[in-house]
Amino acid sequence: MLKNGNQLVFDIGAHNGDDSAYYLQLGYRVIAVEANPLLAAACAKRFEVEIQSDKIKVLNVGVLKEPGEFSFYRNLTDDGWSSFEGERGKRGGHWEAVSIHCTTVASLIENYGCPFFMKIDIEGADMGAIASLKCDIAPRYLSVELNCTDPIIETLAGLGYSSFKFVNGETFRRSGPIWDHEIGWRLLRKIGRIMPPIRSALTRLPERLRVKTEFDIPGQYNPDNYPFTRYSSGPFGEQAAGNWLSIDAAIGWFQNIKNGYLKADRAEQLWWDVHARHKNARPVMPTAPQP
């Protein structure tokens, strides 16, 4: 069993293992949790050597608010849509229901120790995953995929998390899209495209002033130049992009983001993670990737 929390990461929603590979590269030991039996088997094959050396354990289980057997909707069009939430898992019309054994985050912590960082990305079931957490067993850092309905930030605040960052799933930055109803930003975008020097100047502004994806430096935020893929969640903790926000500032900031998606009728396209730091945590930089 892996009991050294300072060197342990939970990857809940491991998918094809790209995030787990990054955490291993950083020097952490990993508990990779994946409900999809085919993806879990692929991860076990991918990390066969690391499993033998006890650097990673791959668990084919779901993580919900209570243990038991539950229906998992494996999407046959896109593995990334698979979910314990039927509406999500059935998107595209090609899916199969599979009975999957589920555990809880509290049980994982009891069995393997409290991780330094925990990533949760399980397509709509994220609130269920954090339901069993308590303040005294909460990881120092975690990230959770957001949506327009669940009170995830408020729930994390109740667990003792006091600092927050928001990361766009496509860019790993905190900048949002420009919507059709944002006339001023659309005008600035048009000016920038007509006059490239202006756009170039805008991309050199500090991140807090750019605020829109259109004016970000091209590419994903990547302080370590790690070869992230489209299935990666990116840097975490102190290395995630942006400054930490207080609870009230985080709630207000994310409400503005949600309002944009809702007003544009694009709520289902919201793809953001919230990174949270516990109030009892001493800021620690993740280990730098090894060459």
C-alpha atoms as a PDB file:
ATOM      1  CA  MET A   1       0.000   0.000   0.000  1.00  0.00           C
ATOM      2  CA  LEU A   2       1.147   3.544  -0.752  1.00  0.00           C
ATOM      3  CA  LYS A   3       1.123   5.551   2.476  1.00  0.00           C
ATOM      4  CA  ASN A   4       3.501   8.490   1.907  1.00  0.00           C
ATOM      5  CA  GLY A   5       1.026  11.299   1.185  1.00  0.00           C
ATOM      6  CA  ASN A   6       3.745  13.789   0.239  1.00  0.00           C
ATOM      7  CA  GLN A   7       4.619  11.608  -2.747  1.00  0.00           C
ATOM      8  CA  LEU A   8       1.140  10.347  -3.631  1.00  0.00           C
ATOM      9  CA  VAL A   9      -1.348  11.510  -6.269  1.00  0.00           C
ATOM     10  CA  PHE A  10      -4.877  10.247  -6.967  1.00  0.00           C
ATOM     11  CA  ASP A  11      -5.886  10.350 -10.640  1.00  0.00           C
ATOM     12  CA  ILE A  12      -9.651   9.810 -10.492  1.00  0.00           C
ATOM     13  CA  GLY A  13     -10.905   9.531 -14.032  1.00  0.00           C
ATOM     14  CA  ALA A  14      -7.585   8.350 -15.436  1.00  0.00           C
ATOM     15  CA  HIS A  15      -8.974   7.794 -18.963  1.00  0.00           C
ATOM     16  CA  ASN A  16      -6.006   6.704 -21.145  1.00  0.00           C
ATOM     17  CA  GLY A  17      -3.416   7.452 -18.452  1.00  0.00           C
ATOM     18  CA  ASP A  18      -1.910  10.645 -19.876  1.00  0.00           C
ATOM     19  CA  ASP A  19      -2.298  12.511 -16.567  1.00  0.00           C
ATOM     20  CA  SER A  20      -0.931   9.556 -14.616  1.00  0.00           C
ATOM     21  CA  ALA A  21       2.104   9.523 -16.921  1.00  0.00           C
ATOM     22  CA  TYR A  22       2.711  13.190 -16.093  1.00  0.00           C
ATOM     23  CA  TYR A  23       2.454  12.572 -12.346  1.00  0.00           C
ATOM     24  CA  LEU A  24       4.873   9.659 -12.634  1.00  0.00           C
ATOM     25  CA  GLN A  25       7.257  11.890 -14.582  1.00  0.00           C
ATOM     26  CA  LEU A  26       7.117  14.369 -11.714  1.00  0.00           C
ATOM     27  CA  GLY A  27       8.230  11.603  -9.355  1.00  0.00           C
ATOM     28  CA  TYR A  28       4.912  10.877  -7.618  1.00  0.00           C
ATOM     29  CA  ARG A  29       3.394   7.498  -6.951  1.00  0.00           C
ATOM     30  CA  VAL A  30      -0.081   7.263  -8.389  1.00  0.00           C
ATOM     31  CA  ILE A  31      -3.438   5.670  -7.687  1.00  0.00           C
ATOM     32  CA  ALA A  32      -5.090   5.703 -11.127  1.00  0.00           C
ATOM     33  CA  VAL A  33      -8.850   5.118 -10.940  1.00  0.00           C
ATOM     34  CA  GLU A  34     -10.851   4.413 -14.094  1.00  0.00           C
ATOM     35  CA  ALA A  35     -14.412   3.061 -14.282  1.00  0.00           C
ATOM     36  CA  ASN A  36     -14.298   2.140 -17.965  1.00  0.00           C
ATOM     37  CA  PRO A  37     -13.042  -1.489 -18.045  1.00  0.00           C
ATOM     38  CA  LEU A  38     -11.416  -1.127 -21.468  1.00  0.00           C
ATOM     39  CA  LEU A  39      -9.543   2.048 -20.543  1.00  0.00           C
ATOM     40  CA  ALA A  40      -8.496   0.588 -17.180  1.00  0.00           C
ATOM     41  CA  ALA A  41      -7.095  -2.467 -18.962  1.00  0.00           C
ATOM     42  CA  ALA A  42      -5.245  -0.221 -21.420  1.00  0.00           C
ATOM     43  CA  CYS A  43      -3.735   1.747 -18.517  1.00  0.00           C
ATOM     44  CA  ALA A  44      -2.648  -1.474 -16.810  1.00  0.00           C
ATOM     45  CA  LYS A  45      -0.896  -2.484 -20.025  1.00  0.00           C
ATOM     46  CA  ARG A  46       0.636   0.962 -20.534  1.00  0.00           C
ATOM     47  CA  PHE A  47       2.076   1.079 -17.010  1.00  0.00           C
ATOM     48  CA  GLU A  48       3.007  -2.594 -16.704  1.00  0.00           C
ATOM     49  CA  VAL A  49       6.600  -1.827 -15.682  1.00  0.00           C
ATOM     50  CA  GLU A  50       5.596   0.916 -13.232  1.00  0.00           C
ATOM     51  CA  ILE A  51       2.982  -1.351 -11.654  1.00  0.00           C
ATOM     52  CA  GLN A  52       5.599  -4.013 -11.029  1.00  0.00           C
ATOM     53  CA  SER A  53       7.810  -1.452  -9.294  1.00  0.00           C
ATOM     54  CA  ASP A  54       4.867  -0.221  -7.173  1.00  0.00           C
ATOM     55  CA  LYS A  55       4.955   3.288  -8.644  1.00  0.00           C
ATOM     56  CA  ILE A  56       1.321   3.108  -9.728  1.00  0.00           C
ATOM     57  CA  LYS A  57      -1.809   1.093  -9.033  1.00  0.00           C
ATOM     58  CA  VAL A  58      -4.581   0.988 -11.628  1.00  0.00           C
ATOM     59  CA  LEU A  59      -8.034   0.407 -10.149  1.00  0.00           C
ATOM     60  CA  ASN A  60     -11.012  -0.466 -12.344  1.00  0.00           C
ATOM     61  CA  VAL A  61     -13.663   1.032 -10.063  1.00  0.00           C
ATOM     62  CA  GLY A  62     -15.961   4.017 -10.025  1.00  0.00           C
ATOM     63  CA  VAL A  63     -15.851   6.716  -7.347  1.00  0.00           C
ATOM     64  CA  LEU A  64     -19.208   7.974  -6.095  1.00  0.00           C
ATOM     65  CA  LYS A  65     -20.760   9.208  -2.843  1.00  0.00           C
ATOM     66  CA  GLU A  66     -21.388   5.652  -1.631  1.00  0.00           C
ATOM     67  CA  PRO A  67     -19.998   2.194  -2.438  1.00  0.00           C
ATOM     68  CA  GLY A  68     -21.887  -0.419  -4.421  1.00  0.00           C
ATOM     69  CA  GLU A  69     -22.669  -1.613  -7.924  1.00  0.00           C
ATOM     70  CA  PHE A  70     -23.881   1.109 -10.304  1.00  0.00           C
ATOM     71  CA  SER A  71     -24.653   1.415 -13.998  1.00  0.00           C
ATOM     72  CA  PHE A  72     -21.864   3.024 -16.001  1.00  0.00           C
ATOM     73  CA  TYR A  73     -22.779   4.261 -19.454  1.00  0.00           C
ATOM     74  CA  ARG A  74     -19.840   3.514 -21.713  1.00  0.00           C
ATOM     75  CA  ASN A  75     -20.084   5.776 -24.731  1.00  0.00           C
ATOM     76  CA  LEU A  76     -19.218   3.989 -27.972  1.00  0.00           C
ATOM     77  CA  THR A  77     -18.767   7.210 -29.937  1.00  0.00           C
ATOM     78  CA  ASP A  78     -16.297   8.962 -27.627  1.00  0.00           C
ATOM     79  CA  ASP A  79     -14.768   7.366 -24.516  1.00  0.00           C
ATOM     80  CA  GLY A  80     -14.518  10.843 -23.012  1.00  0.00           C
ATOM     81  CA  TRP A  81     -18.311  11.030 -22.778  1.00  0.00           C
ATOM     82  CA  SER A  82     -18.680   7.846 -20.731  1.00  0.00           C
ATOM     83  CA  SER A  83     -20.304   8.547 -17.398  1.00  0.00           C
ATOM     84  CA  PHE A  84     -22.370   7.318 -14.472  1.00  0.00           C
ATOM     85  CA  GLU A  85     -24.772  10.089 -15.508  1.00  0.00           C
ATOM     86  CA  GLY A  86     -27.057   8.552 -18.121  1.00  0.00           C
ATOM     87  CA  GLU A  87     -27.719  11.754 -20.046  1.00  0.00           C
ATOM     88  CA  ARG A  88     -23.992  12.324 -20.521  1.00  0.00           C
ATOM     89  CA  GLY A  89     -23.007   8.750 -21.225  1.00  0.00           C
ATOM     90  CA  LYS A  90     -25.705   8.271 -23.866  1.00  0.00           C
ATOM     91  CA  ARG A  91     -24.709  11.251 -25.999  1.00  0.00           C
ATOM     92  CA  GLY A  92     -24.486  10.428 -29.673  1.00  0.00           C
ATOM     93  CA  GLY A  93     -26.874   7.490 -29.302  1.00  0.00           C
ATOM     94  CA  HIS A  94     -24.222   4.751 -29.227  1.00  0.00           C
ATOM     95  CA  TRP A  95     -23.587   3.394 -25.739  1.00  0.00           C
ATOM     96  CA  GLU A  96     -23.750   0.346 -23.508  1.00  0.00           C
ATOM     97  CA  ALA A  97     -24.579   0.068 -19.815  1.00  0.00           C
ATOM     98  CA  VAL A  98     -22.023  -1.779 -17.685  1.00  0.00           C
ATOM     99  CA  SER A  99     -22.348  -2.632 -13.993  1.00  0.00           C
ATOM    100  CA  ILE A 100     -19.288  -1.237 -12.209  1.00  0.00           C
ATOM    101  CA  HIS A 101     -18.204  -1.638  -8.611  1.00  0.00           C
ATOM    102  CA  CYS A 102     -17.838   1.772  -6.952  1.00  0.00           C
ATOM    103  CA  THR A 103     -15.957   2.991  -3.923  1.00  0.00           C
ATOM    104  CA  THR A 104     -15.598   6.394  -2.242  1.00  0.00           C
ATOM    105  CA  VAL A 105     -12.775   8.909  -1.966  1.00  0.00           C
ATOM    106  CA  ALA A 106     -12.778   8.390   1.813  1.00  0.00           C
ATOM    107  CA  SER A 107     -12.244   4.655   1.297  1.00  0.00           C
ATOM    108  CA  LEU A 108      -9.387   5.277  -1.154  1.00  0.00           C
ATOM    109  CA  ILE A 109      -7.719   7.560   1.393  1.00  0.00           C
ATOM    110  CA  GLU A 110      -8.211   4.977   4.136  1.00  0.00           C
ATOM    111  CA  ASN A 111      -6.614   2.275   1.982  1.00  0.00           C
ATOM    112  CA  TYR A 112      -3.783   4.204   0.321  1.00  0.00           C
ATOM    113  CA  GLY A 113      -3.206   7.357   2.365  1.00  0.00           C
ATOM    114  CA  CYS A 114      -4.111  11.003   1.841  1.00  0.00           C
ATOM    115  CA  PRO A 115      -2.606  12.239  -1.423  1.00  0.00           C
ATOM    116  CA  PHE A 116      -0.679  15.457  -1.946  1.00  0.00           C
ATOM    117  CA  PHE A 117      -2.906  16.130  -4.972  1.00  0.00           C
ATOM    118  CA  MET A 118      -6.135  14.616  -6.239  1.00  0.00           C
ATOM    119  CA  LYS A 119      -7.549  15.100  -9.746  1.00  0.00           C
ATOM    120  CA  ILE A 120     -11.255  14.393 -10.257  1.00  0.00           C
ATOM    121  CA  ASP A 121     -12.613  14.352 -13.795  1.00  0.00           C
ATOM    122  CA  ILE A 122     -15.497  11.887 -14.088  1.00  0.00           C
ATOM    123  CA  GLU A 123     -18.013  13.505 -16.419  1.00  0.00           C
ATOM    124  CA  GLY A 124     -20.771  14.859 -14.198  1.00  0.00           C
ATOM    125  CA  ALA A 125     -20.273  12.602 -11.173  1.00  0.00           C
ATOM    126  CA  ASP A 126     -17.656  14.877  -9.599  1.00  0.00           C
ATOM    127  CA  MET A 127     -19.927  16.082  -6.783  1.00  0.00           C
ATOM    128  CA  GLY A 128     -20.533  12.474  -5.783  1.00  0.00           C
ATOM    129  CA  ALA A 129     -16.802  11.862  -5.660  1.00  0.00           C
ATOM    130  CA  ILE A 130     -16.125  14.680  -3.201  1.00  0.00           C
ATOM    131  CA  ALA A 131     -19.207  13.892  -1.088  1.00  0.00           C
ATOM    132  CA  SER A 132     -17.307  11.543   1.232  1.00  0.00           C
ATOM    133  CA  LEU A 133     -14.431  13.969   1.855  1.00  0.00           C
ATOM    134  CA  LYS A 134     -13.981  15.540   5.284  1.00  0.00           C
ATOM    135  CA  CYS A 135     -11.839  18.518   6.201  1.00  0.00           C
ATOM    136  CA  ASP A 136      -9.401  16.431   8.262  1.00  0.00           C
ATOM    137  CA  ILE A 137      -8.651  14.021   5.392  1.00  0.00           C
ATOM    138  CA  ALA A 138      -8.759  16.514   2.513  1.00  0.00           C
ATOM    139  CA  PRO A 139      -5.713  16.540   0.178  1.00  0.00           C
ATOM    140  CA  ARG A 140      -3.649  19.716   0.207  1.00  0.00           C
ATOM    141  CA  TYR A 141      -4.386  20.301  -3.473  1.00  0.00           C
ATOM    142  CA  LEU A 142      -7.110  19.036  -5.745  1.00  0.00           C
ATOM    143  CA  SER A 143      -8.738  19.797  -9.068  1.00  0.00           C
ATOM    144  CA  VAL A 144     -12.331  19.118 -10.043  1.00  0.00           C
ATOM    145  CA  GLU A 145     -14.090  19.465 -13.388  1.00  0.00           C
ATOM    146  CA  LEU A 146     -16.781  22.154 -13.232  1.00  0.00           C
ATOM    147  CA  ASN A 147     -20.261  22.465 -14.684  1.00  0.00           C
ATOM    148  CA  CYS A 148     -23.001  25.086 -14.673  1.00  0.00           C
ATOM    149  CA  THR A 149     -25.200  23.439 -12.035  1.00  0.00           C
ATOM    150  CA  ASP A 150     -23.256  21.870  -9.159  1.00  0.00           C
ATOM    151  CA  PRO A 151     -22.082  24.088  -6.242  1.00  0.00           C
ATOM    152  CA  ILE A 152     -18.570  22.666  -6.393  1.00  0.00           C
ATOM    153  CA  ILE A 153     -16.703  25.757  -5.167  1.00  0.00           C
ATOM    154  CA  GLU A 154     -19.046  26.223  -2.218  1.00  0.00           C
ATOM    155  CA  THR A 155     -18.714  22.536  -1.343  1.00  0.00           C
ATOM    156  CA  LEU A 156     -14.920  22.717  -1.457  1.00  0.00           C
ATOM    157  CA  ALA A 157     -14.991  25.827   0.725  1.00  0.00           C
ATOM    158  CA  GLY A 158     -16.989  23.845   3.285  1.00  0.00           C
ATOM    159  CA  LEU A 159     -14.211  21.242   3.284  1.00  0.00           C
ATOM    160  CA  GLY A 160     -11.603  23.839   4.191  1.00  0.00           C
ATOM    161  CA  TYR A 161     -10.334  24.864   0.758  1.00  0.00           C
ATOM    162  CA  SER A 162      -9.662  28.593   0.792  1.00  0.00           C
ATOM    163  CA  SER A 163      -7.726  29.384  -2.414  1.00  0.00           C
ATOM    164  CA  PHE A 164      -8.845  28.710  -5.974  1.00  0.00           C
ATOM    165  CA  LYS A 165      -7.643  28.882  -9.572  1.00  0.00           C
ATOM    166  CA  PHE A 166      -9.676  28.277 -12.721  1.00  0.00           C
ATOM    167  CA  VAL A 167      -8.211  26.562 -15.756  1.00  0.00           C
ATOM    168  CA  ASN A 168      -9.657  26.394 -19.253  1.00  0.00           C
ATOM    169  CA  GLY A 169      -9.512  22.731 -20.324  1.00  0.00           C
ATOM    170  CA  GLU A 170      -8.318  23.611 -23.819  1.00  0.00           C
ATOM    171  CA  THR A 171      -5.562  26.081 -22.997  1.00  0.00           C
ATOM    172  CA  PHE A 172      -4.696  25.403 -19.311  1.00  0.00           C
ATOM    173  CA  ARG A 173      -5.077  29.178 -18.839  1.00  0.00           C
ATOM    174  CA  ARG A 174      -7.746  31.215 -17.068  1.00  0.00           C
ATOM    175  CA  SER A 175      -8.959  33.088 -20.152  1.00  0.00           C
ATOM    176  CA  GLY A 176     -12.468  32.513 -21.468  1.00  0.00           C
ATOM    177  CA  PRO A 177     -13.924  32.653 -24.977  1.00  0.00           C
ATOM    178  CA  ILE A 178     -15.394  35.736 -26.663  1.00  0.00           C
ATOM    179  CA  TRP A 179     -19.150  35.277 -27.047  1.00  0.00           C
ATOM    180  CA  ASP A 180     -21.390  36.762 -29.740  1.00  0.00           C
ATOM    181  CA  HIS A 181     -23.109  39.027 -27.197  1.00  0.00           C
ATOM    182  CA  GLU A 182     -19.794  40.575 -26.035  1.00  0.00           C
ATOM    183  CA  ILE A 183     -19.700  43.451 -28.497  1.00  0.00           C
ATOM    184  CA  GLY A 184     -16.665  45.219 -27.046  1.00  0.00           C
ATOM    185  CA  TRP A 185     -14.488  42.110 -27.078  1.00  0.00           C
ATOM    186  CA  ARG A 186     -15.654  41.234 -30.587  1.00  0.00           C
ATOM    187  CA  LEU A 187     -14.628  44.694 -31.757  1.00  0.00           C
ATOM    188  CA  LEU A 188     -11.214  44.376 -30.112  1.00  0.00           C
ATOM    189  CA  ARG A 189     -10.791  40.946 -31.714  1.00  0.00           C
ATOM    190  CA  LYS A 190     -11.624  42.394 -35.123  1.00  0.00           C
ATOM    191  CA  ILE A 191      -9.156  45.259 -34.680  1.00  0.00           C
ATOM    192  CA  GLY A 192      -6.474  42.786 -33.616  1.00  0.00           C
ATOM    193  CA  ARG A 193      -7.038  40.611 -36.667  1.00  0.00           C
ATOM    194  CA  ILE A 194      -6.961  43.591 -39.029  1.00  0.00           C
ATOM    195  CA  MET A 195      -3.888  45.069 -37.357  1.00  0.00           C
ATOM    196  CA  PRO A 196      -1.527  42.234 -36.303  1.00  0.00           C
ATOM    197  CA  PRO A 197       0.830  44.536 -34.335  1.00  0.00           C
ATOM    198  CA  ILE A 198      -2.043  45.412 -32.006  1.00  0.00           C
ATOM    199  CA  ARG A 199      -2.898  41.758 -31.492  1.00  0.00           C
ATOM    200  CA  SER A 200       0.763  41.002 -30.827  1.00  0.00           C
ATOM    201  CA  ALA A 201       0.859  43.768 -28.220  1.00  0.00           C
ATOM    202  CA  LEU A 202      -2.259  42.384 -26.544  1.00  0.00           C
ATOM    203  CA  THR A 203      -0.726  38.905 -26.228  1.00  0.00           C
ATOM    204  CA  ARG A 204       2.208  40.436 -24.343  1.00  0.00           C
ATOM    205  CA  LEU A 205      -0.027  41.927 -21.652  1.00  0.00           C
ATOM    206  CA  PRO A 206      -0.008  40.284 -18.205  1.00  0.00           C
ATOM    207  CA  GLU A 207      -2.412  37.347 -18.024  1.00  0.00           C
ATOM    208  CA  ARG A 208      -4.819  39.175 -15.693  1.00  0.00           C
ATOM    209  CA  LEU A 209      -5.319  41.845 -18.373  1.00  0.00           C
ATOM    210  CA  ARG A 210      -5.742  39.525 -21.360  1.00  0.00           C
ATOM    211  CA  VAL A 211      -8.764  37.666 -19.859  1.00  0.00           C
ATOM    212  CA  LYS A 212      -9.914  36.270 -23.225  1.00  0.00           C
ATOM    213  CA  THR A 213      -8.534  33.232 -25.031  1.00  0.00           C
ATOM    214  CA  GLU A 214      -8.256  35.232 -28.257  1.00  0.00           C
ATOM    215  CA  PHE A 215      -5.399  37.256 -26.764  1.00  0.00           C
ATOM    216  CA  ASP A 216      -3.528  34.461 -24.999  1.00  0.00           C
ATOM    217  CA  ILE A 217      -0.022  33.548 -26.034  1.00  0.00           C
ATOM    218  CA  PRO A 218      -0.509  30.738 -28.600  1.00  0.00           C
ATOM    219  CA  GLY A 219      -0.507  27.195 -27.229  1.00  0.00           C
ATOM    220  CA  GLN A 220      -1.248  25.683 -23.854  1.00  0.00           C
ATOM    221  CA  TYR A 221       0.122  27.076 -20.610  1.00  0.00           C
ATOM    222  CA  ASN A 222       3.082  24.815 -19.911  1.00  0.00           C
ATOM    223  CA  PRO A 223       5.806  26.073 -17.542  1.00  0.00           C
ATOM    224  CA  ASP A 224       7.784  22.815 -17.739  1.00  0.00           C
ATOM    225  CA  ASN A 225       7.455  22.223 -21.501  1.00  0.00           C
ATOM    226  CA  TYR A 226       5.983  18.801 -20.783  1.00  0.00           C
ATOM    227  CA  PRO A 227       4.387  17.203 -23.902  1.00  0.00           C
ATOM    228  CA  PHE A 228       0.760  17.443 -22.777  1.00  0.00           C
ATOM    229  CA  THR A 229      -1.883  15.853 -24.994  1.00  0.00           C
ATOM    230  CA  ARG A 230      -5.547  16.674 -25.637  1.00  0.00           C
ATOM    231  CA  TYR A 231      -6.409  14.167 -22.896  1.00  0.00           C
ATOM    232  CA  SER A 232      -4.206  15.898 -20.314  1.00  0.00           C
ATOM    233  CA  SER A 233      -5.395  18.118 -17.470  1.00  0.00           C
ATOM    234  CA  GLY A 234      -2.174  20.121 -17.408  1.00  0.00           C
ATOM    235  CA  PRO A 235      -0.123  21.566 -14.536  1.00  0.00           C
ATOM    236  CA  PHE A 236      -1.601  21.562 -11.042  1.00  0.00           C
ATOM    237  CA  GLY A 237      -1.299  23.241  -7.661  1.00  0.00           C
ATOM    238  CA  GLU A 238       1.155  26.098  -7.481  1.00  0.00           C
ATOM    239  CA  GLN A 239       2.116  25.555 -11.123  1.00  0.00           C
ATOM    240  CA  ALA A 240      -1.424  25.888 -12.473  1.00  0.00           C
ATOM    241  CA  ALA A 241      -1.906  29.157 -14.356  1.00  0.00           C
ATOM    242  CA  GLY A 242      -3.073  32.327 -12.637  1.00  0.00           C
ATOM    243  CA  ASN A 243      -3.168  33.710  -9.117  1.00  0.00           C
ATOM    244  CA  TRP A 244      -5.049  32.137  -6.229  1.00  0.00           C
ATOM    245  CA  LEU A 245      -8.460  33.671  -5.531  1.00  0.00           C
ATOM    246  CA  SER A 246     -10.290  33.880  -2.212  1.00  0.00           C
ATOM    247  CA  ILE A 247     -13.570  31.999  -1.761  1.00  0.00           C
ATOM    248  CA  ASP A 248     -15.762  35.035  -2.466  1.00  0.00           C
ATOM    249  CA  ALA A 249     -13.651  36.147  -5.428  1.00  0.00           C
ATOM    250  CA  ALA A 250     -13.711  32.608  -6.847  1.00  0.00           C
ATOM    251  CA  ILE A 251     -17.481  32.316  -6.578  1.00  0.00           C
ATOM    252  CA  GLY A 252     -17.932  35.681  -8.309  1.00  0.00           C
ATOM    253  CA  TRP A 253     -15.361  34.950 -10.985  1.00  0.00           C
ATOM    254  CA  PHE A 254     -16.854  31.602 -11.908  1.00  0.00           C
ATOM    255  CA  GLN A 255     -20.364  33.052 -11.917  1.00  0.00           C
ATOM    256  CA  ASN A 256     -19.218  35.442 -14.637  1.00  0.00           C
ATOM    257  CA  ILE A 257     -17.807  32.543 -16.639  1.00  0.00           C
ATOM    258  CA  LYS A 258     -21.039  30.563 -16.244  1.00  0.00           C
ATOM    259  CA  ASN A 259     -23.129  33.556 -17.247  1.00  0.00           C
ATOM    260  CA  GLY A 260     -21.234  33.762 -20.537  1.00  0.00           C
ATOM    261  CA  TYR A 261     -21.851  30.115 -21.379  1.00  0.00           C
ATOM    262  CA  LEU A 262     -25.489  30.254 -20.304  1.00  0.00           C
ATOM    263  CA  LYS A 263     -26.228  33.446 -22.227  1.00  0.00           C
ATOM    264  CA  ALA A 264     -24.619  31.950 -25.329  1.00  0.00           C
ATOM    265  CA  ASP A 265     -26.650  28.741 -24.806  1.00  0.00           C
ATOM    266  CA  ARG A 266     -23.406  26.757 -24.606  1.00  0.00           C
ATOM    267  CA  ALA A 267     -23.637  25.378 -21.061  1.00  0.00           C
ATOM    268  CA  GLU A 268     -22.849  21.845 -22.262  1.00  0.00           C
ATOM    269  CA  GLN A 269     -19.589  23.099 -23.771  1.00  0.00           C
ATOM    270  CA  LEU A 270     -18.218  24.454 -20.491  1.00  0.00           C
ATOM    271  CA  TRP A 271     -14.843  22.745 -20.020  1.00  0.00           C
ATOM    272  CA  TRP A 272     -13.098  24.156 -16.976  1.00  0.00           C
ATOM    273  CA  ASP A 273     -11.340  22.773 -13.921  1.00  0.00           C
ATOM    274  CA  VAL A 274     -11.099  24.423 -10.540  1.00  0.00           C
ATOM    275  CA  HIS A 275      -7.833  23.949  -8.646  1.00  0.00           C
ATOM    276  CA  ALA A 276      -8.132  24.321  -4.886  1.00  0.00           C
ATOM    277  CA  ARG A 277      -5.588  24.689  -2.081  1.00  0.00           C
ATOM    278  CA  HIS A 278      -6.538  23.697   1.441  1.00  0.00           C
ATOM    279  CA  LYS A 279      -6.329  26.279   4.202  1.00  0.00           C
ATOM    280  CA  ASN A 280      -3.962  23.993   6.132  1.00  0.00           C
ATOM    281  CA  ALA A 281      -1.614  23.551   3.191  1.00  0.00           C
ATOM    282  CA  ARG A 282       1.857  25.032   3.069  1.00  0.00           C
ATOM    283  CA  PRO A 283       2.426  26.092  -0.567  1.00  0.00           C
ATOM    284  CA  VAL A 284       4.669  23.513  -2.227  1.00  0.00           C
ATOM    285  CA  MET A 285       5.745  23.413  -5.864  1.00  0.00           C
ATOM    286  CA  PRO A 286       5.256  20.070  -7.647  1.00  0.00           C
ATOM    287  CA  THR A 287       8.472  18.216  -8.332  1.00  0.00           C
ATOM    288  CA  ALA A 288      10.006  19.287 -11.646  1.00  0.00           C
ATOM    289  CA  PRO A 289       9.770  16.695 -14.441  1.00  0.00           C
ATOM    290  CA  GLN A 290      12.848  14.552 -14.791  1.00  0.00           C
ATOM    291  CA  PRO A 291      14.719  14.519 -18.142  1.00  0.00           C
END
